[in-house]
mmCIF file of all heavy atoms, coordinates in Angstrom:
data_MODEL
# 
_entry.id   MODEL 
# 
loop_
_atom_site.group_PDB 
_atom_site.id 
_atom_site.type_symbol 
_atom_site.label_atom_id 
_atom_site.label_alt_id 
_atom_site.label_comp_id 
_atom_site.label_asym_id 
_atom_site.label_entity_id 
_atom_site.label_seq_id 
_atom_site.pdbx_PDB_ins_code 
_atom_site.Cartn_x 
_atom_site.Cartn_y 
_atom_site.Cartn_z 
_atom_site.occupancy 
_atom_site.B_iso_or_equiv 
_atom_site.pdbx_formal_charge 
_atom_site.auth_seq_id 
_atom_site.auth_comp_id 
_atom_site.auth_asym_id 
_atom_site.auth_atom_id 
_atom_site.pdbx_PDB_model_num 
ATOM 1   N N   . THR A 1 1  ? 0.846  -1.253 0.012   1.00 0.00 ? 1  THR A N   1 
ATOM 2   C CA  . THR A 1 1  ? 0.005  -0.024 -0.009  1.00 0.00 ? 1  THR A CA  1 
ATOM 3   C C   . THR A 1 1  ? 0.880  1.279  -0.024  1.00 0.00 ? 1  THR A C   1 
ATOM 4   O O   . THR A 1 1  ? 1.820  1.300  0.738   1.00 0.00 ? 1  THR A O   1 
ATOM 5   C CB  . THR A 1 1  ? -0.949 0.006  1.214   1.00 0.00 ? 1  THR A CB  1 
ATOM 6   O OG1 . THR A 1 1  ? -1.841 -1.132 1.146   1.00 0.00 ? 1  THR A OG1 1 
ATOM 7   C CG2 . THR A 1 1  ? -1.692 1.327  1.375   1.00 0.00 ? 1  THR A CG2 1 
ATOM 8   N N   . VAL A 1 2  ? 0.501  2.283  -0.770  1.00 0.00 ? 2  VAL A N   1 
ATOM 9   C CA  . VAL A 1 2  ? 1.287  3.447  -0.899  1.00 0.00 ? 2  VAL A CA  1 
ATOM 10  C C   . VAL A 1 2  ? 0.389  4.619  -0.376  1.00 0.00 ? 2  VAL A C   1 
ATOM 11  O O   . VAL A 1 2  ? -0.766 4.784  -0.932  1.00 0.00 ? 2  VAL A O   1 
ATOM 12  C CB  . VAL A 1 2  ? 1.749  3.674  -2.294  1.00 0.00 ? 2  VAL A CB  1 
ATOM 13  C CG1 . VAL A 1 2  ? 2.552  5.028  -2.362  1.00 0.00 ? 2  VAL A CG1 1 
ATOM 14  C CG2 . VAL A 1 2  ? 2.733  2.599  -2.784  1.00 0.00 ? 2  VAL A CG2 1 
ATOM 15  N N   . THR A 1 3  ? 0.905  5.303  0.626   1.00 0.00 ? 3  THR A N   1 
ATOM 16  C CA  . THR A 1 3  ? 0.195  6.460  1.187   1.00 0.00 ? 3  THR A CA  1 
ATOM 17  C C   . THR A 1 3  ? 0.855  7.742  1.119   1.00 0.00 ? 3  THR A C   1 
ATOM 18  O O   . THR A 1 3  ? 2.079  7.772  1.375   1.00 0.00 ? 3  THR A O   1 
ATOM 19  C CB  . THR A 1 3  ? -0.187 6.187  2.702   1.00 0.00 ? 3  THR A CB  1 
ATOM 20  O OG1 . THR A 1 3  ? -0.830 4.844  2.767   1.00 0.00 ? 3  THR A OG1 1 
ATOM 21  C CG2 . THR A 1 3  ? -1.160 7.113  3.239   1.00 0.00 ? 3  THR A CG2 1 
ATOM 22  N N   . ALA A 1 4  ? 0.232  8.836  0.718   1.00 0.00 ? 4  ALA A N   1 
ATOM 23  C CA  . ALA A 1 4  ? 0.879  10.141 0.773   1.00 0.00 ? 4  ALA A CA  1 
ATOM 24  C C   . ALA A 1 4  ? 1.192  10.624 2.139   1.00 0.00 ? 4  ALA A C   1 
ATOM 25  O O   . ALA A 1 4  ? 0.277  10.631 3.064   1.00 0.00 ? 4  ALA A O   1 
ATOM 26  C CB  . ALA A 1 4  ? -0.004 11.213 0.076   1.00 0.00 ? 4  ALA A CB  1 
ATOM 27  N N   . MET A 1 5  ? 2.361  11.076 2.415   1.00 0.00 ? 5  MET A N   1 
ATOM 28  C CA  . MET A 1 5  ? 2.798  11.536 3.750   1.00 0.00 ? 5  MET A CA  1 
ATOM 29  C C   . MET A 1 5  ? 2.608  13.060 3.834   1.00 0.00 ? 5  MET A C   1 
ATOM 30  O O   . MET A 1 5  ? 2.803  13.643 4.944   1.00 0.00 ? 5  MET A O   1 
ATOM 31  C CB  . MET A 1 5  ? 4.226  11.138 4.038   1.00 0.00 ? 5  MET A CB  1 
ATOM 32  C CG  . MET A 1 5  ? 4.570  9.648  3.979   1.00 0.00 ? 5  MET A CG  1 
ATOM 33  S SD  . MET A 1 5  ? 6.259  9.296  4.322   1.00 0.00 ? 5  MET A SD  1 
ATOM 34  C CE  . MET A 1 5  ? 6.480  9.953  6.074   1.00 0.00 ? 5  MET A CE  1 
ATOM 35  N N   . MET A 1 6  ? 2.427  13.587 2.746   1.00 0.00 ? 6  MET A N   1 
ATOM 36  C CA  . MET A 1 6  ? 2.210  15.064 2.654   1.00 0.00 ? 6  MET A CA  1 
ATOM 37  C C   . MET A 1 6  ? 1.458  15.441 1.356   1.00 0.00 ? 6  MET A C   1 
ATOM 38  O O   . MET A 1 6  ? 1.127  14.537 0.655   1.00 0.00 ? 6  MET A O   1 
ATOM 39  C CB  . MET A 1 6  ? 3.617  15.877 2.645   1.00 0.00 ? 6  MET A CB  1 
ATOM 40  C CG  . MET A 1 6  ? 4.424  15.395 1.558   1.00 0.00 ? 6  MET A CG  1 
ATOM 41  S SD  . MET A 1 6  ? 6.096  16.000 1.691   1.00 0.00 ? 6  MET A SD  1 
ATOM 42  C CE  . MET A 1 6  ? 6.005  17.753 1.706   1.00 0.00 ? 6  MET A CE  1 
ATOM 43  N N   . GLU A 1 7  ? 1.035  16.659 1.222   1.00 0.00 ? 7  GLU A N   1 
ATOM 44  C CA  . GLU A 1 7  ? 0.519  17.048 -0.012  1.00 0.00 ? 7  GLU A CA  1 
ATOM 45  C C   . GLU A 1 7  ? 1.432  16.625 -1.225  1.00 0.00 ? 7  GLU A C   1 
ATOM 46  O O   . GLU A 1 7  ? 2.597  17.084 -1.255  1.00 0.00 ? 7  GLU A O   1 
ATOM 47  C CB  . GLU A 1 7  ? 0.064  18.505 -0.199  1.00 0.00 ? 7  GLU A CB  1 
ATOM 48  C CG  . GLU A 1 7  ? -1.118 18.742 0.799   1.00 0.00 ? 7  GLU A CG  1 
ATOM 49  C CD  . GLU A 1 7  ? -1.511 20.291 0.625   1.00 0.00 ? 7  GLU A CD  1 
ATOM 50  O OE1 . GLU A 1 7  ? -1.002 20.942 -0.319  1.00 0.00 ? 7  GLU A OE1 1 
ATOM 51  O OE2 . GLU A 1 7  ? -2.499 20.632 1.332   1.00 0.00 ? 7  GLU A OE2 1 
ATOM 52  N N   . SER A 1 8  ? 0.844  15.850 -2.160  1.00 0.00 ? 8  SER A N   1 
ATOM 53  C CA  . SER A 1 8  ? 1.775  15.284 -3.294  1.00 0.00 ? 8  SER A CA  1 
ATOM 54  C C   . SER A 1 8  ? 0.976  15.368 -4.659  1.00 0.00 ? 8  SER A C   1 
ATOM 55  O O   . SER A 1 8  ? -0.290 15.278 -4.622  1.00 0.00 ? 8  SER A O   1 
ATOM 56  C CB  . SER A 1 8  ? 2.148  13.797 -2.910  1.00 0.00 ? 8  SER A CB  1 
ATOM 57  O OG  . SER A 1 8  ? 2.802  13.755 -1.633  1.00 0.00 ? 8  SER A OG  1 
ATOM 58  N N   . VAL A 1 9  ? 1.870  15.414 -5.618  1.00 0.00 ? 9  VAL A N   1 
ATOM 59  C CA  . VAL A 1 9  ? 1.337  15.356 -7.010  1.00 0.00 ? 9  VAL A CA  1 
ATOM 60  C C   . VAL A 1 9  ? 1.926  14.139 -7.695  1.00 0.00 ? 9  VAL A C   1 
ATOM 61  O O   . VAL A 1 9  ? 3.208  14.024 -7.681  1.00 0.00 ? 9  VAL A O   1 
ATOM 62  C CB  . VAL A 1 9  ? 1.689  16.705 -7.792  1.00 0.00 ? 9  VAL A CB  1 
ATOM 63  C CG1 . VAL A 1 9  ? 1.206  16.463 -9.291  1.00 0.00 ? 9  VAL A CG1 1 
ATOM 64  C CG2 . VAL A 1 9  ? 1.027  17.903 -7.195  1.00 0.00 ? 9  VAL A CG2 1 
ATOM 65  N N   . ILE A 1 10 ? 1.226  13.178 -8.085  1.00 0.00 ? 10 ILE A N   1 
ATOM 66  C CA  . ILE A 1 10 ? 1.712  11.925 -8.550  1.00 0.00 ? 10 ILE A CA  1 
ATOM 67  C C   . ILE A 1 10 ? 1.124  11.728 -9.921  1.00 0.00 ? 10 ILE A C   1 
ATOM 68  O O   . ILE A 1 10 ? -0.185 11.907 -10.160 1.00 0.00 ? 10 ILE A O   1 
ATOM 69  C CB  . ILE A 1 10 ? 1.305  10.748 -7.563  1.00 0.00 ? 10 ILE A CB  1 
ATOM 70  C CG1 . ILE A 1 10 ? 1.973  11.008 -6.268  1.00 0.00 ? 10 ILE A CG1 1 
ATOM 71  C CG2 . ILE A 1 10 ? 1.697  9.419  -8.168  1.00 0.00 ? 10 ILE A CG2 1 
ATOM 72  C CD1 . ILE A 1 10 ? 1.584  10.131 -5.170  1.00 0.00 ? 10 ILE A CD1 1 
ATOM 73  N N   . VAL A 1 11 ? 1.955  11.281 -10.894 1.00 0.00 ? 11 VAL A N   1 
ATOM 74  C CA  . VAL A 1 11 ? 1.503  10.895 -12.215 1.00 0.00 ? 11 VAL A CA  1 
ATOM 75  C C   . VAL A 1 11 ? 1.346  9.453  -12.430 1.00 0.00 ? 11 VAL A C   1 
ATOM 76  O O   . VAL A 1 11 ? 2.207  8.721  -11.998 1.00 0.00 ? 11 VAL A O   1 
ATOM 77  C CB  . VAL A 1 11 ? 2.584  11.393 -13.239 1.00 0.00 ? 11 VAL A CB  1 
ATOM 78  C CG1 . VAL A 1 11 ? 2.082  11.153 -14.685 1.00 0.00 ? 11 VAL A CG1 1 
ATOM 79  C CG2 . VAL A 1 11 ? 2.836  12.915 -13.160 1.00 0.00 ? 11 VAL A CG2 1 
ATOM 80  N N   . ARG A 1 12 ? 0.150  9.097  -12.971 1.00 0.00 ? 12 ARG A N   1 
ATOM 81  C CA  . ARG A 1 12 ? -0.234 7.687  -13.186 1.00 0.00 ? 12 ARG A CA  1 
ATOM 82  C C   . ARG A 1 12 ? 0.082  7.407  -14.588 1.00 0.00 ? 12 ARG A C   1 
ATOM 83  O O   . ARG A 1 12 ? -0.495 8.153  -15.576 1.00 0.00 ? 12 ARG A O   1 
ATOM 84  C CB  . ARG A 1 12 ? -1.679 7.505  -12.913 1.00 0.00 ? 12 ARG A CB  1 
ATOM 85  C CG  . ARG A 1 12 ? -2.181 5.988  -13.254 1.00 0.00 ? 12 ARG A CG  1 
ATOM 86  C CD  . ARG A 1 12 ? -3.604 5.887  -13.097 1.00 0.00 ? 12 ARG A CD  1 
ATOM 87  N NE  . ARG A 1 12 ? -4.091 4.603  -13.615 1.00 0.00 ? 12 ARG A NE  1 
ATOM 88  C CZ  . ARG A 1 12 ? -4.338 3.507  -12.847 1.00 0.00 ? 12 ARG A CZ  1 
ATOM 89  N NH1 . ARG A 1 12 ? -4.101 3.551  -11.602 1.00 0.00 ? 12 ARG A NH1 1 
ATOM 90  N NH2 . ARG A 1 12 ? -4.701 2.332  -13.439 1.00 0.00 ? 12 ARG A NH2 1 
ATOM 91  N N   . LEU A 1 13 ? 0.921  6.471  -14.955 1.00 0.00 ? 13 LEU A N   1 
ATOM 92  C CA  . LEU A 1 13 ? 1.254  6.054  -16.240 1.00 0.00 ? 13 LEU A CA  1 
ATOM 93  C C   . LEU A 1 13 ? 0.714  4.779  -16.483 1.00 0.00 ? 13 LEU A C   1 
ATOM 94  O O   . LEU A 1 13 ? 1.183  3.704  -15.855 1.00 0.00 ? 13 LEU A O   1 
ATOM 95  C CB  . LEU A 1 13 ? 2.761  6.078  -16.495 1.00 0.00 ? 13 LEU A CB  1 
ATOM 96  C CG  . LEU A 1 13 ? 3.396  7.502  -16.290 1.00 0.00 ? 13 LEU A CG  1 
ATOM 97  C CD1 . LEU A 1 13 ? 4.918  7.414  -15.989 1.00 0.00 ? 13 LEU A CD1 1 
ATOM 98  C CD2 . LEU A 1 13 ? 3.286  8.263  -17.602 1.00 0.00 ? 13 LEU A CD2 1 
ATOM 99  N N   . GLU A 1 14 ? -0.298 4.542  -17.457 1.00 0.00 ? 14 GLU A N   1 
ATOM 100 C CA  . GLU A 1 14 ? -0.799 3.255  -17.835 1.00 0.00 ? 14 GLU A CA  1 
ATOM 101 C C   . GLU A 1 14 ? 0.311  2.338  -18.308 1.00 0.00 ? 14 GLU A C   1 
ATOM 102 O O   . GLU A 1 14 ? 1.272  2.819  -18.969 1.00 0.00 ? 14 GLU A O   1 
ATOM 103 C CB  . GLU A 1 14 ? -1.950 3.347  -18.851 1.00 0.00 ? 14 GLU A CB  1 
ATOM 104 C CG  . GLU A 1 14 ? -3.093 4.203  -18.361 1.00 0.00 ? 14 GLU A CG  1 
ATOM 105 C CD  . GLU A 1 14 ? -3.862 3.514  -17.160 1.00 0.00 ? 14 GLU A CD  1 
ATOM 106 O OE1 . GLU A 1 14 ? -3.768 2.189  -17.076 1.00 0.00 ? 14 GLU A OE1 1 
ATOM 107 O OE2 . GLU A 1 14 ? -4.519 4.250  -16.402 1.00 0.00 ? 14 GLU A OE2 1 
ATOM 108 N N   . LYS A 1 15 ? 0.200  1.050  -18.044 1.00 0.00 ? 15 LYS A N   1 
ATOM 109 C CA  . LYS A 1 15 ? 1.168  0.050  -18.409 1.00 0.00 ? 15 LYS A CA  1 
ATOM 110 C C   . LYS A 1 15 ? 1.475  0.062  -19.865 1.00 0.00 ? 15 LYS A C   1 
ATOM 111 O O   . LYS A 1 15 ? 2.608  0.117  -20.260 1.00 0.00 ? 15 LYS A O   1 
ATOM 112 C CB  . LYS A 1 15 ? 0.716  -1.282 -17.906 1.00 0.00 ? 15 LYS A CB  1 
ATOM 113 C CG  . LYS A 1 15 ? 1.701  -2.397 -18.326 1.00 0.00 ? 15 LYS A CG  1 
ATOM 114 C CD  . LYS A 1 15 ? 1.098  -3.804 -17.810 1.00 0.00 ? 15 LYS A CD  1 
ATOM 115 C CE  . LYS A 1 15 ? 2.141  -4.864 -18.277 1.00 0.00 ? 15 LYS A CE  1 
ATOM 116 N NZ  . LYS A 1 15 ? 1.568  -6.244 -17.845 1.00 0.00 ? 15 LYS A NZ  1 
ATOM 117 N N   . ALA A 1 16 ? 0.474  0.186  -20.678 1.00 0.00 ? 16 ALA A N   1 
ATOM 118 C CA  . ALA A 1 16 ? 0.653  0.190  -22.174 1.00 0.00 ? 16 ALA A CA  1 
ATOM 119 C C   . ALA A 1 16 ? 1.538  1.358  -22.542 1.00 0.00 ? 16 ALA A C   1 
ATOM 120 O O   . ALA A 1 16 ? 2.463  1.269  -23.446 1.00 0.00 ? 16 ALA A O   1 
ATOM 121 C CB  . ALA A 1 16 ? -0.683 0.084  -22.903 1.00 0.00 ? 16 ALA A CB  1 
ATOM 122 N N   . ALA A 1 17 ? 1.268  2.614  -21.925 1.00 0.00 ? 17 ALA A N   1 
ATOM 123 C CA  . ALA A 1 17 ? 1.935  3.742  -22.327 1.00 0.00 ? 17 ALA A CA  1 
ATOM 124 C C   . ALA A 1 17 ? 3.367  3.696  -21.962 1.00 0.00 ? 17 ALA A C   1 
ATOM 125 O O   . ALA A 1 17 ? 4.214  4.090  -22.803 1.00 0.00 ? 17 ALA A O   1 
ATOM 126 C CB  . ALA A 1 17 ? 1.317  4.981  -21.718 1.00 0.00 ? 17 ALA A CB  1 
ATOM 127 N N   . ILE A 1 18 ? 3.731  3.311  -20.711 1.00 0.00 ? 18 ILE A N   1 
ATOM 128 C CA  . ILE A 1 18 ? 5.079  3.115  -20.339 1.00 0.00 ? 18 ILE A CA  1 
ATOM 129 C C   . ILE A 1 18 ? 5.907  2.151  -21.083 1.00 0.00 ? 18 ILE A C   1 
ATOM 130 O O   . ILE A 1 18 ? 7.104  2.238  -21.347 1.00 0.00 ? 18 ILE A O   1 
ATOM 131 C CB  . ILE A 1 18 ? 5.216  3.008  -18.739 1.00 0.00 ? 18 ILE A CB  1 
ATOM 132 C CG1 . ILE A 1 18 ? 6.627  3.510  -18.375 1.00 0.00 ? 18 ILE A CG1 1 
ATOM 133 C CG2 . ILE A 1 18 ? 4.887  1.672  -18.356 1.00 0.00 ? 18 ILE A CG2 1 
ATOM 134 C CD1 . ILE A 1 18 ? 6.772  3.701  -16.852 1.00 0.00 ? 18 ILE A CD1 1 
ATOM 135 N N   . VAL A 1 19 ? 5.227  1.048  -21.406 1.00 0.00 ? 19 VAL A N   1 
ATOM 136 C CA  . VAL A 1 19 ? 5.920  -0.092 -22.201 1.00 0.00 ? 19 VAL A CA  1 
ATOM 137 C C   . VAL A 1 19 ? 6.285  0.453  -23.583 1.00 0.00 ? 19 VAL A C   1 
ATOM 138 O O   . VAL A 1 19 ? 7.327  0.267  -24.082 1.00 0.00 ? 19 VAL A O   1 
ATOM 139 C CB  . VAL A 1 19 ? 5.084  -1.262 -22.266 1.00 0.00 ? 19 VAL A CB  1 
ATOM 140 C CG1 . VAL A 1 19 ? 5.596  -2.229 -23.308 1.00 0.00 ? 19 VAL A CG1 1 
ATOM 141 C CG2 . VAL A 1 19 ? 4.930  -2.044 -20.930 1.00 0.00 ? 19 VAL A CG2 1 
ATOM 142 N N   . ARG A 1 20 ? 5.364  1.243  -24.140 1.00 0.00 ? 20 ARG A N   1 
ATOM 143 C CA  . ARG A 1 20 ? 5.557  1.862  -25.480 1.00 0.00 ? 20 ARG A CA  1 
ATOM 144 C C   . ARG A 1 20 ? 6.749  2.798  -25.419 1.00 0.00 ? 20 ARG A C   1 
ATOM 145 O O   . ARG A 1 20 ? 7.580  2.666  -26.309 1.00 0.00 ? 20 ARG A O   1 
ATOM 146 C CB  . ARG A 1 20 ? 4.336  2.541  -25.991 1.00 0.00 ? 20 ARG A CB  1 
ATOM 147 C CG  . ARG A 1 20 ? 4.403  3.030  -27.407 1.00 0.00 ? 20 ARG A CG  1 
ATOM 148 C CD  . ARG A 1 20 ? 3.171  3.507  -27.948 1.00 0.00 ? 20 ARG A CD  1 
ATOM 149 N NE  . ARG A 1 20 ? 2.701  4.665  -27.234 1.00 0.00 ? 20 ARG A NE  1 
ATOM 150 C CZ  . ARG A 1 20 ? 1.629  4.591  -26.351 1.00 0.00 ? 20 ARG A CZ  1 
ATOM 151 N NH1 . ARG A 1 20 ? 1.021  3.468  -26.117 1.00 0.00 ? 20 ARG A NH1 1 
ATOM 152 N NH2 . ARG A 1 20 ? 1.136  5.747  -25.654 1.00 0.00 ? 20 ARG A NH2 1 
ATOM 153 N N   . VAL A 1 21 ? 6.835  3.649  -24.472 1.00 0.00 ? 21 VAL A N   1 
ATOM 154 C CA  . VAL A 1 21 ? 7.861  4.646  -24.472 1.00 0.00 ? 21 VAL A CA  1 
ATOM 155 C C   . VAL A 1 21 ? 9.233  4.137  -24.157 1.00 0.00 ? 21 VAL A C   1 
ATOM 156 O O   . VAL A 1 21 ? 10.259 4.527  -24.645 1.00 0.00 ? 21 VAL A O   1 
ATOM 157 C CB  . VAL A 1 21 ? 7.565  5.824  -23.587 1.00 0.00 ? 21 VAL A CB  1 
ATOM 158 C CG1 . VAL A 1 21 ? 7.695  5.435  -22.032 1.00 0.00 ? 21 VAL A CG1 1 
ATOM 159 C CG2 . VAL A 1 21 ? 8.269  7.077  -23.880 1.00 0.00 ? 21 VAL A CG2 1 
ATOM 160 N N   . ILE A 1 22 ? 9.223  2.948  -23.394 1.00 0.00 ? 22 ILE A N   1 
ATOM 161 C CA  . ILE A 1 22 ? 10.441 2.287  -23.012 1.00 0.00 ? 22 ILE A CA  1 
ATOM 162 C C   . ILE A 1 22 ? 11.016 1.755  -24.303 1.00 0.00 ? 22 ILE A C   1 
ATOM 163 O O   . ILE A 1 22 ? 12.268 1.701  -24.613 1.00 0.00 ? 22 ILE A O   1 
ATOM 164 C CB  . ILE A 1 22 ? 10.238 1.151  -21.947 1.00 0.00 ? 22 ILE A CB  1 
ATOM 165 C CG1 . ILE A 1 22 ? 10.028 1.820  -20.498 1.00 0.00 ? 22 ILE A CG1 1 
ATOM 166 C CG2 . ILE A 1 22 ? 11.415 0.206  -21.872 1.00 0.00 ? 22 ILE A CG2 1 
ATOM 167 C CD1 . ILE A 1 22 ? 9.627  0.768  -19.509 1.00 0.00 ? 22 ILE A CD1 1 
ATOM 168 N N   . ARG A 1 23 ? 10.168 1.089  -25.151 1.00 0.00 ? 23 ARG A N   1 
ATOM 169 C CA  . ARG A 1 23 ? 10.622 0.453  -26.417 1.00 0.00 ? 23 ARG A CA  1 
ATOM 170 C C   . ARG A 1 23 ? 11.022 1.568  -27.442 1.00 0.00 ? 23 ARG A C   1 
ATOM 171 O O   . ARG A 1 23 ? 11.953 1.290  -28.250 1.00 0.00 ? 23 ARG A O   1 
ATOM 172 C CB  . ARG A 1 23 ? 9.448  -0.361 -26.938 1.00 0.00 ? 23 ARG A CB  1 
ATOM 173 C CG  . ARG A 1 23 ? 9.206  -1.606 -26.130 1.00 0.00 ? 23 ARG A CG  1 
ATOM 174 C CD  . ARG A 1 23 ? 7.943  -2.341 -26.651 1.00 0.00 ? 23 ARG A CD  1 
ATOM 175 N NE  . ARG A 1 23 ? 7.712  -3.562 -25.871 1.00 0.00 ? 23 ARG A NE  1 
ATOM 176 C CZ  . ARG A 1 23 ? 6.665  -4.308 -26.098 1.00 0.00 ? 23 ARG A CZ  1 
ATOM 177 N NH1 . ARG A 1 23 ? 5.669  -3.968 -26.891 1.00 0.00 ? 23 ARG A NH1 1 
ATOM 178 N NH2 . ARG A 1 23 ? 6.503  -5.371 -25.372 1.00 0.00 ? 23 ARG A NH2 1 
ATOM 179 N N   . GLN A 1 24 ? 10.369 2.671  -27.486 1.00 0.00 ? 24 GLN A N   1 
ATOM 180 C CA  . GLN A 1 24 ? 10.558 3.638  -28.493 1.00 0.00 ? 24 GLN A CA  1 
ATOM 181 C C   . GLN A 1 24 ? 11.514 4.724  -28.210 1.00 0.00 ? 24 GLN A C   1 
ATOM 182 O O   . GLN A 1 24 ? 12.083 5.373  -29.191 1.00 0.00 ? 24 GLN A O   1 
ATOM 183 C CB  . GLN A 1 24 ? 9.114  4.276  -28.952 1.00 0.00 ? 24 GLN A CB  1 
ATOM 184 C CG  . GLN A 1 24 ? 8.241  3.201  -29.449 1.00 0.00 ? 24 GLN A CG  1 
ATOM 185 C CD  . GLN A 1 24 ? 6.863  3.807  -29.867 1.00 0.00 ? 24 GLN A CD  1 
ATOM 186 O OE1 . GLN A 1 24 ? 6.655  4.980  -29.520 1.00 0.00 ? 24 GLN A OE1 1 
ATOM 187 N NE2 . GLN A 1 24 ? 6.057  2.948  -30.494 1.00 0.00 ? 24 GLN A NE2 1 
ATOM 188 N N   . GLN A 1 25 ? 11.775 5.037  -26.847 1.00 0.00 ? 25 GLN A N   1 
ATOM 189 C CA  . GLN A 1 25 ? 12.497 6.279  -26.567 1.00 0.00 ? 25 GLN A CA  1 
ATOM 190 C C   . GLN A 1 25 ? 13.778 5.874  -25.696 1.00 0.00 ? 25 GLN A C   1 
ATOM 191 O O   . GLN A 1 25 ? 13.662 5.686  -24.446 1.00 0.00 ? 25 GLN A O   1 
ATOM 192 C CB  . GLN A 1 25 ? 11.608 7.254  -25.823 1.00 0.00 ? 25 GLN A CB  1 
ATOM 193 C CG  . GLN A 1 25 ? 10.503 7.789  -26.598 1.00 0.00 ? 25 GLN A CG  1 
ATOM 194 C CD  . GLN A 1 25 ? 10.944 8.561  -27.934 1.00 0.00 ? 25 GLN A CD  1 
ATOM 195 O OE1 . GLN A 1 25 ? 11.985 8.953  -28.045 1.00 0.00 ? 25 GLN A OE1 1 
ATOM 196 N NE2 . GLN A 1 25 ? 9.919  8.723  -28.841 1.00 0.00 ? 25 GLN A NE2 1 
# 
């Protein structure tokens, strides 16, 4: 479980999107 310890801004990257960019960039 991951819990924010303070006010945080977090980016969610869908699995398909990050797999694609790992392969292409």
